[in-house]
C-alpha atoms as a PDB file:
ATOM      1  CA  MET A   1      -1.697 -13.736  -3.422  1.00  0.00           C
ATOM      2  CA  LEU A   2       0.824 -11.445  -1.802  1.00  0.00           C
ATOM      3  CA  ILE A   3       0.474  -8.652   0.738  1.00  0.00           C
ATOM      4  CA  LEU A   4       3.132  -5.929   0.672  1.00  0.00           C
ATOM      5  CA  TYR A   5       2.898  -3.230   3.313  1.00  0.00           C
ATOM      6  CA  PHE A   6       4.715  -0.498   5.178  1.00  0.00           C
ATOM      7  CA  SER A   7       3.753   0.567   8.681  1.00  0.00           C
ATOM      8  CA  ALA A   8       5.220   3.510  10.570  1.00  0.00           C
ATOM      9  CA  THR A   9       3.225   3.108  13.789  1.00  0.00           C
ATOM     10  CA  GLY A  10       1.956  -0.473  13.658  1.00  0.00           C
ATOM     11  CA  THR A  11      -1.557   0.361  12.450  1.00  0.00           C
ATOM     12  CA  THR A  12      -0.958  -0.711   8.850  1.00  0.00           C
ATOM     13  CA  GLU A  13       0.901  -3.783  10.111  1.00  0.00           C
ATOM     14  CA  GLN A  14      -2.190  -4.808  12.114  1.00  0.00           C
ATOM     15  CA  ALA A  15      -4.349  -4.333   9.012  1.00  0.00           C
ATOM     16  CA  ALA A  16      -1.916  -6.375   6.890  1.00  0.00           C
ATOM     17  CA  LYS A  17      -1.886  -9.226   9.397  1.00  0.00           C
ATOM     18  CA  LEU A  18      -5.691  -9.235   9.552  1.00  0.00           C
ATOM     19  CA  LEU A  19      -5.777  -9.286   5.757  1.00  0.00           C
ATOM     20  CA  GLN A  20      -3.366 -12.230   5.777  1.00  0.00           C
ATOM     21  CA  THR A  21      -5.610 -14.090   8.219  1.00  0.00           C
ATOM     22  CA  LYS A  22      -8.635 -13.520   5.977  1.00  0.00           C
ATOM     23  CA  THR A  23      -6.937 -14.365   2.653  1.00  0.00           C
ATOM     24  CA  GLY A  24      -4.055 -16.711   3.447  1.00  0.00           C
ATOM     25  CA  ALA A  25      -1.775 -14.509   1.309  1.00  0.00           C
ATOM     26  CA  LYS A  26       1.979 -14.289   1.852  1.00  0.00           C
ATOM     27  CA  LEU A  27       3.051 -11.225   3.845  1.00  0.00           C
ATOM     28  CA  VAL A  28       6.076  -8.951   3.281  1.00  0.00           C
ATOM     29  CA  GLU A  29       6.848  -5.783   5.248  1.00  0.00           C
ATOM     30  CA  LEU A  30       8.531  -3.307   2.911  1.00  0.00           C
ATOM     31  CA  GLN A  31      11.770  -1.694   4.034  1.00  0.00           C
ATOM     32  CA  ILE A  32      12.145   1.887   2.880  1.00  0.00           C
ATOM     33  CA  ASP A  33      15.539   3.512   2.293  1.00  0.00           C
ATOM     34  CA  PRO A  34      16.266   5.856   3.842  1.00  0.00           C
ATOM     35  CA  ALA A  35      14.254   4.488   6.757  1.00  0.00           C
ATOM     36  CA  TYR A  36      11.558   6.725   8.161  1.00  0.00           C
ATOM     37  CA  PRO A  37      12.273   8.041  11.662  1.00  0.00           C
ATOM     38  CA  SER A  38      10.279   6.751  14.621  1.00  0.00           C
ATOM     39  CA  SER A  39       9.611  10.285  15.879  1.00  0.00           C
ATOM     40  CA  TYR A  40       6.168  11.387  14.663  1.00  0.00           C
ATOM     41  CA  ASP A  41       7.250  15.020  14.232  1.00  0.00           C
ATOM     42  CA  GLN A  42      10.288  14.015  12.155  1.00  0.00           C
ATOM     43  CA  LEU A  43       8.220  11.516  10.164  1.00  0.00           C
ATOM     44  CA  THR A  44       5.595  14.097   9.220  1.00  0.00           C
ATOM     45  CA  GLY A  45       8.289  16.568   8.195  1.00  0.00           C
ATOM     46  CA  ILE A  46      10.113  14.063   5.996  1.00  0.00           C
ATOM     47  CA  SER A  47       6.944  12.700   4.424  1.00  0.00           C
ATOM     48  CA  LYS A  48       5.768  16.228   3.595  1.00  0.00           C
ATOM     49  CA  ASP A  49       9.178  17.082   2.099  1.00  0.00           C
ATOM     50  CA  GLN A  50       9.016  13.947  -0.057  1.00  0.00           C
ATOM     51  CA  ILE A  51       5.595  14.977  -1.363  1.00  0.00           C
ATOM     52  CA  ASP A  52       6.609  18.598  -1.965  1.00  0.00           C
ATOM     53  CA  GLN A  53       9.884  17.658  -3.688  1.00  0.00           C
ATOM     54  CA  ASP A  54       8.555  14.563  -5.525  1.00  0.00           C
ATOM     55  CA  ILE A  55      11.109  12.299  -3.821  1.00  0.00           C
ATOM     56  CA  HIS A  56      10.531   8.575  -4.325  1.00  0.00           C
ATOM     57  CA  PRO A  57      12.396   6.667  -1.590  1.00  0.00           C
ATOM     58  CA  ASN A  58      13.874   3.285  -2.441  1.00  0.00           C
ATOM     59  CA  ILE A  59      12.239   0.002  -1.442  1.00  0.00           C
ATOM     60  CA  LYS A  60      15.087  -2.249  -0.285  1.00  0.00           C
ATOM     61  CA  ASN A  61      13.268  -5.568  -0.278  1.00  0.00           C
ATOM     62  CA  LEU A  62      10.752  -5.564  -3.116  1.00  0.00           C
ATOM     63  CA  PRO A  63      10.270  -9.289  -3.800  1.00  0.00           C
ATOM     64  CA  ASP A  64      10.140 -11.004  -7.161  1.00  0.00           C
ATOM     65  CA  LEU A  65       6.517 -10.750  -8.298  1.00  0.00           C
ATOM     66  CA  THR A  66       6.767 -13.091 -11.284  1.00  0.00           C
ATOM     67  CA  ASP A  67       4.494 -15.781  -9.846  1.00  0.00           C
ATOM     68  CA  GLU A  68       2.002 -13.416  -8.219  1.00  0.00           C
ATOM     69  CA  LYS A  69      -1.373 -12.670  -9.781  1.00  0.00           C
ATOM     70  CA  THR A  70      -2.906 -10.549  -7.019  1.00  0.00           C
ATOM     71  CA  ILE A  71      -0.873  -8.089  -4.952  1.00  0.00           C
ATOM     72  CA  PHE A  72      -2.238  -6.109  -2.032  1.00  0.00           C
ATOM     73  CA  ILE A  73      -0.201  -2.978  -1.286  1.00  0.00           C
ATOM     74  CA  GLY A  74      -0.740  -1.426   2.145  1.00  0.00           C
ATOM     75  CA  PHE A  75       0.287   1.961   3.474  1.00  0.00           C
ATOM     76  CA  PRO A  76      -0.680   4.746   5.860  1.00  0.00           C
ATOM     77  CA  ILE A  77      -2.276   7.830   4.354  1.00  0.00           C
ATOM     78  CA  TRP A  78      -0.119  10.909   4.881  1.00  0.00           C
ATOM     79  CA  TYR A  79      -1.305  14.374   3.897  1.00  0.00           C
ATOM     80  CA  GLN A  80      -4.445  12.914   2.292  1.00  0.00           C
ATOM     81  CA  GLN A  81      -2.470  10.684  -0.096  1.00  0.00           C
ATOM     82  CA  SER A  82      -0.307   7.606  -0.258  1.00  0.00           C
ATOM     83  CA  PRO A  83       3.338   7.978   0.803  1.00  0.00           C
ATOM     84  CA  MET A  84       5.861   8.599  -1.948  1.00  0.00           C
ATOM     85  CA  PHE A  85       7.350   5.102  -1.746  1.00  0.00           C
ATOM     86  CA  ILE A  86       4.140   3.900  -3.403  1.00  0.00           C
ATOM     87  CA  ASN A  87       5.385   5.746  -6.496  1.00  0.00           C
ATOM     88  CA  THR A  88       8.560   3.685  -6.175  1.00  0.00           C
ATOM     89  CA  PHE A  89       6.532   0.480  -5.985  1.00  0.00           C
ATOM     90  CA  PHE A  90       4.805   1.252  -9.294  1.00  0.00           C
ATOM     91  CA  GLU A  91       8.129   2.306 -10.856  1.00  0.00           C
ATOM     92  CA  GLN A  92      10.218  -0.685  -9.700  1.00  0.00           C
ATOM     93  CA  ALA A  93       7.769  -3.596  -9.805  1.00  0.00           C
ATOM     94  CA  ASP A  94       6.905  -5.511 -12.955  1.00  0.00           C
ATOM     95  CA  LEU A  95       3.132  -5.310 -12.637  1.00  0.00           C
ATOM     96  CA  LYS A  96       2.059  -6.159 -16.176  1.00  0.00           C
ATOM     97  CA  GLY A  97      -1.126  -8.202 -15.952  1.00  0.00           C
ATOM     98  CA  LYS A  98      -1.095  -8.224 -12.141  1.00  0.00           C
ATOM     99  CA  VAL A  99      -4.129  -7.247 -10.079  1.00  0.00           C
ATOM    100  CA  VAL A 100      -3.020  -4.580  -7.589  1.00  0.00           C
ATOM    101  CA  ILE A 101      -5.310  -3.873  -4.646  1.00  0.00           C
ATOM    102  CA  PRO A 102      -4.344  -0.939  -2.426  1.00  0.00           C
ATOM    103  CA  PHE A 103      -5.342  -0.817   1.212  1.00  0.00           C
ATOM    104  CA  ALA A 104      -4.590   2.034   3.535  1.00  0.00           C
ATOM    105  CA  THR A 105      -4.980   3.094   7.123  1.00  0.00           C
ATOM    106  CA  SER A 106      -6.330   6.455   8.152  1.00  0.00           C
ATOM    107  CA  MET A 107      -8.715   7.782  10.739  1.00  0.00           C
ATOM    108  CA  SER A 108      -9.812  10.757   8.650  1.00  0.00           C
ATOM    109  CA  THR A 109      -9.006  10.362   4.957  1.00  0.00           C
ATOM    110  CA  PRO A 110     -11.139   8.029   2.829  1.00  0.00           C
ATOM    111  CA  MET A 111      -9.488   5.600   0.427  1.00  0.00           C
ATOM    112  CA  SER A 112     -11.163   7.436  -2.449  1.00  0.00           C
ATOM    113  CA  ALA A 113      -8.881  10.434  -1.788  1.00  0.00           C
ATOM    114  CA  ASN A 114      -5.968   8.271  -2.994  1.00  0.00           C
ATOM    115  CA  THR A 115      -7.625   7.112  -6.204  1.00  0.00           C
ATOM    116  CA  PRO A 116      -6.354   9.919  -8.477  1.00  0.00           C
ATOM    117  CA  PHE A 117      -2.785   9.505  -7.180  1.00  0.00           C
ATOM    118  CA  LEU A 118      -2.874   5.717  -7.541  1.00  0.00           C
ATOM    119  CA  LYS A 119      -4.362   5.821 -11.045  1.00  0.00           C
ATOM    120  CA  LYS A 120      -1.613   8.200 -12.137  1.00  0.00           C
ATOM    121  CA  MET A 121       1.091   5.978 -10.617  1.00  0.00           C
ATOM    122  CA  ALA A 122      -0.345   2.818 -12.174  1.00  0.00           C
ATOM    123  CA  ALA A 123      -0.767   4.321 -15.641  1.00  0.00           C
ATOM    124  CA  ASN A 124       1.402   2.626 -18.252  1.00  0.00           C
ATOM    125  CA  THR A 125       2.573  -0.133 -15.860  1.00  0.00           C
ATOM    126  CA  GLY A 126       0.233  -2.797 -17.173  1.00  0.00           C
ATOM    127  CA  ALA A 127      -1.175  -3.236 -13.658  1.00  0.00           C
ATOM    128  CA  ILE A 128      -4.860  -3.954 -13.210  1.00  0.00           C
ATOM    129  CA  LEU A 129      -5.479  -1.451 -10.423  1.00  0.00           C
ATOM    130  CA  GLN A 130      -8.537  -2.169  -8.311  1.00  0.00           C
ATOM    131  CA  GLY A 131     -10.364   0.201  -6.030  1.00  0.00           C
ATOM    132  CA  GLY A 132      -8.972  -0.291  -2.576  1.00  0.00           C
ATOM    133  CA  PHE A 133     -10.247  -0.176   0.960  1.00  0.00           C
ATOM    134  CA  LEU A 134      -9.380   1.184   4.394  1.00  0.00           C
ATOM    135  CA  GLY A 135      -7.678  -1.638   6.221  1.00  0.00           C
ATOM    136  CA  ASN A 136      -8.277  -0.314   9.701  1.00  0.00           C
ATOM    137  CA  ASN A 137     -12.001  -1.065   9.352  1.00  0.00           C
ATOM    138  CA  GLU A 138     -12.506  -4.845   9.598  1.00  0.00           C
ATOM    139  CA  LYS A 139     -16.101  -4.703   8.391  1.00  0.00           C
ATOM    140  CA  VAL A 140     -15.082  -2.774   5.264  1.00  0.00           C
ATOM    141  CA  MET A 141     -12.201  -5.194   4.660  1.00  0.00           C
ATOM    142  CA  THR A 142     -14.388  -8.266   5.047  1.00  0.00           C
ATOM    143  CA  THR A 143     -17.080  -6.877   2.754  1.00  0.00           C
ATOM    144  CA  TYR A 144     -14.473  -5.960   0.130  1.00  0.00           C
ATOM    145  CA  LEU A 145     -12.908  -9.425   0.225  1.00  0.00           C
ATOM    146  CA  THR A 146     -16.256 -11.229   0.263  1.00  0.00           C
ATOM    147  CA  ASP A 147     -17.581  -9.248  -2.702  1.00  0.00           C
ATOM    148  CA  ARG A 148     -14.497 -10.232  -4.733  1.00  0.00           C
ATOM    149  CA  ALA A 149     -14.268 -13.859  -3.569  1.00  0.00           C
ATOM    150  CA  LEU A 150     -10.857 -13.253  -1.993  1.00  0.00           C
ATOM    151  CA  LEU A 151     -11.548 -14.814   1.413  1.00  0.00           C
ATOM    152  CA  LYS A 152      -9.757 -18.092   2.071  1.00  0.00           C
END
């Protein structure tokens, strides 16, 4: 198992590390190019521009996924959807036959709001996209992992 994630503020990083503790999966923090700014106001402006203009930023360190069967992909929810680099992930990664489990962090948007976007991105990739979970809720995460026998 592998956990890929991006975290702008540290919240998704905390969720990814908790997920790693619960599953024993390898952990990789994705590096986005161009890098997102640390200023919240600049970040929200750039992320909104990427959505509005359908810009898919590059992932500089997407690892070789050949030997992976299950891949967790973690991200913050921006403007009620996954950031545009998630499009890049589905475009760049060879996901044929791989189980992809999204997890996100948000205080107001449910994971289900991302489902239509994720299904569209995963279409024709050969990925086995699973319903995901909000990673900033440990109880939800634990239940999700327990129900799917993914706990270590």
